């Protein structure tokens, strides 16, 4: 389906159903959280600046975005 770019009728629905039945989304969220936590840890020793705050905010925005 991916190779043919979901061009057949029902491809999108079948793919959606398969994703929803797997734990792929939860696993992806968990990995994203781990990466965001590590990013925050890596910059934790930097001075408090607007740039540091922007990076921390970006981590939060990525994890909590809708769509």
C-alpha atoms as a PDB file:
ATOM      1  CA  UNK A   1       0.000   0.000   0.000  1.00  0.00           C
ATOM      2  CA  UNK A   2       2.785   2.418   0.827  1.00  0.00           C
ATOM      3  CA  UNK A   3       4.675   1.638  -2.373  1.00  0.00           C
ATOM      4  CA  UNK A   4       1.583   2.322  -4.449  1.00  0.00           C
ATOM      5  CA  UNK A   5       0.983   5.464  -2.356  1.00  0.00           C
ATOM      6  CA  UNK A   6      -2.401   4.363  -1.014  1.00  0.00           C
ATOM      7  CA  UNK A   7      -3.885   4.639  -4.492  1.00  0.00           C
ATOM      8  CA  UNK A   8      -6.345   1.739  -4.256  1.00  0.00           C
ATOM      9  CA  UNK A   9      -9.812   2.189  -2.771  1.00  0.00           C
ATOM     10  CA  UNK A  10      -9.781   1.284   0.913  1.00  0.00           C
ATOM     11  CA  UNK A  11      -5.992   1.554   1.337  1.00  0.00           C
ATOM     12  CA  UNK A  12      -6.197   4.463   3.761  1.00  0.00           C
ATOM     13  CA  UNK A  13      -8.911   2.825   5.847  1.00  0.00           C
ATOM     14  CA  UNK A  14      -7.055  -0.509   6.010  1.00  0.00           C
ATOM     15  CA  UNK A  15      -3.867   1.235   7.055  1.00  0.00           C
ATOM     16  CA  UNK A  16      -5.677   3.301   9.681  1.00  0.00           C
ATOM     17  CA  UNK A  17      -7.276   0.162  11.127  1.00  0.00           C
ATOM     18  CA  UNK A  18      -3.912  -1.630  11.242  1.00  0.00           C
ATOM     19  CA  UNK A  19      -2.251   1.288  13.025  1.00  0.00           C
ATOM     20  CA  UNK A  20      -5.064   1.580  15.547  1.00  0.00           C
ATOM     21  CA  UNK A  21      -4.902  -2.164  16.323  1.00  0.00           C
ATOM     22  CA  UNK A  22      -1.157  -2.079  16.954  1.00  0.00           C
ATOM     23  CA  UNK A  23       0.755  -0.428  19.779  1.00  0.00           C
ATOM     24  CA  UNK A  24       2.773   1.616  17.282  1.00  0.00           C
ATOM     25  CA  UNK A  25       1.336   4.979  18.299  1.00  0.00           C
ATOM     26  CA  UNK A  26       1.946   4.380  21.994  1.00  0.00           C
ATOM     27  CA  UNK A  27       5.473   3.197  21.270  1.00  0.00           C
ATOM     28  CA  UNK A  28       6.117   6.281  19.133  1.00  0.00           C
ATOM     29  CA  UNK A  29       4.832   8.574  21.889  1.00  0.00           C
ATOM     30  CA  UNK A  30       7.040   6.811  24.431  1.00  0.00           C
ATOM     31  CA  UNK A  31      10.114   7.229  22.221  1.00  0.00           C
ATOM     32  CA  UNK A  32       9.305  10.896  21.624  1.00  0.00           C
ATOM     33  CA  UNK A  33       8.998  11.433  25.388  1.00  0.00           C
ATOM     34  CA  UNK A  34      12.346   9.726  25.978  1.00  0.00           C
ATOM     35  CA  UNK A  35      14.049  11.912  23.370  1.00  0.00           C
ATOM     36  CA  UNK A  36      12.473  15.078  24.777  1.00  0.00           C
ATOM     37  CA  UNK A  37      13.536  14.115  28.305  1.00  0.00           C
ATOM     38  CA  UNK A  38      17.085  13.490  27.121  1.00  0.00           C
ATOM     39  CA  UNK A  39      17.161  16.803  25.247  1.00  0.00           C
ATOM     40  CA  UNK A  40      16.023  18.620  28.391  1.00  0.00           C
ATOM     41  CA  UNK A  41      18.624  16.773  30.447  1.00  0.00           C
ATOM     42  CA  UNK A  42      21.373  17.732  28.013  1.00  0.00           C
ATOM     43  CA  UNK A  43      20.608  21.444  28.297  1.00  0.00           C
ATOM     44  CA  UNK A  44      19.818  21.443  32.019  1.00  0.00           C
ATOM     45  CA  UNK A  45      23.258  22.790  32.942  1.00  0.00           C
ATOM     46  CA  UNK A  46      23.053  25.730  30.549  1.00  0.00           C
ATOM     47  CA  UNK A  47      22.312  29.193  31.901  1.00  0.00           C
ATOM     48  CA  UNK A  48      18.662  30.124  32.025  1.00  0.00           C
ATOM     49  CA  UNK A  49      18.149  32.152  28.865  1.00  0.00           C
ATOM     50  CA  UNK A  50      15.261  32.781  26.489  1.00  0.00           C
ATOM     51  CA  UNK A  51      16.930  30.397  24.039  1.00  0.00           C
ATOM     52  CA  UNK A  52      17.065  27.586  26.598  1.00  0.00           C
ATOM     53  CA  UNK A  53      13.430  28.193  27.491  1.00  0.00           C
ATOM     54  CA  UNK A  54      12.517  28.123  23.794  1.00  0.00           C
ATOM     55  CA  UNK A  55      14.150  24.702  23.418  1.00  0.00           C
ATOM     56  CA  UNK A  56      12.283  23.353  26.441  1.00  0.00           C
ATOM     57  CA  UNK A  57       9.037  24.818  25.126  1.00  0.00           C
ATOM     58  CA  UNK A  58       9.681  23.215  21.745  1.00  0.00           C
ATOM     59  CA  UNK A  59      10.011  19.795  23.383  1.00  0.00           C
ATOM     60  CA  UNK A  60       6.672  20.309  25.097  1.00  0.00           C
ATOM     61  CA  UNK A  61       4.992  21.574  21.929  1.00  0.00           C
ATOM     62  CA  UNK A  62       6.171  18.587  19.903  1.00  0.00           C
ATOM     63  CA  UNK A  63       4.873  16.143  22.496  1.00  0.00           C
ATOM     64  CA  UNK A  64       1.507  17.842  22.922  1.00  0.00           C
ATOM     65  CA  UNK A  65       0.671  18.997  19.414  1.00  0.00           C
ATOM     66  CA  UNK A  66      -2.651  18.059  17.897  1.00  0.00           C
ATOM     67  CA  UNK A  67      -2.874  16.582  14.390  1.00  0.00           C
END
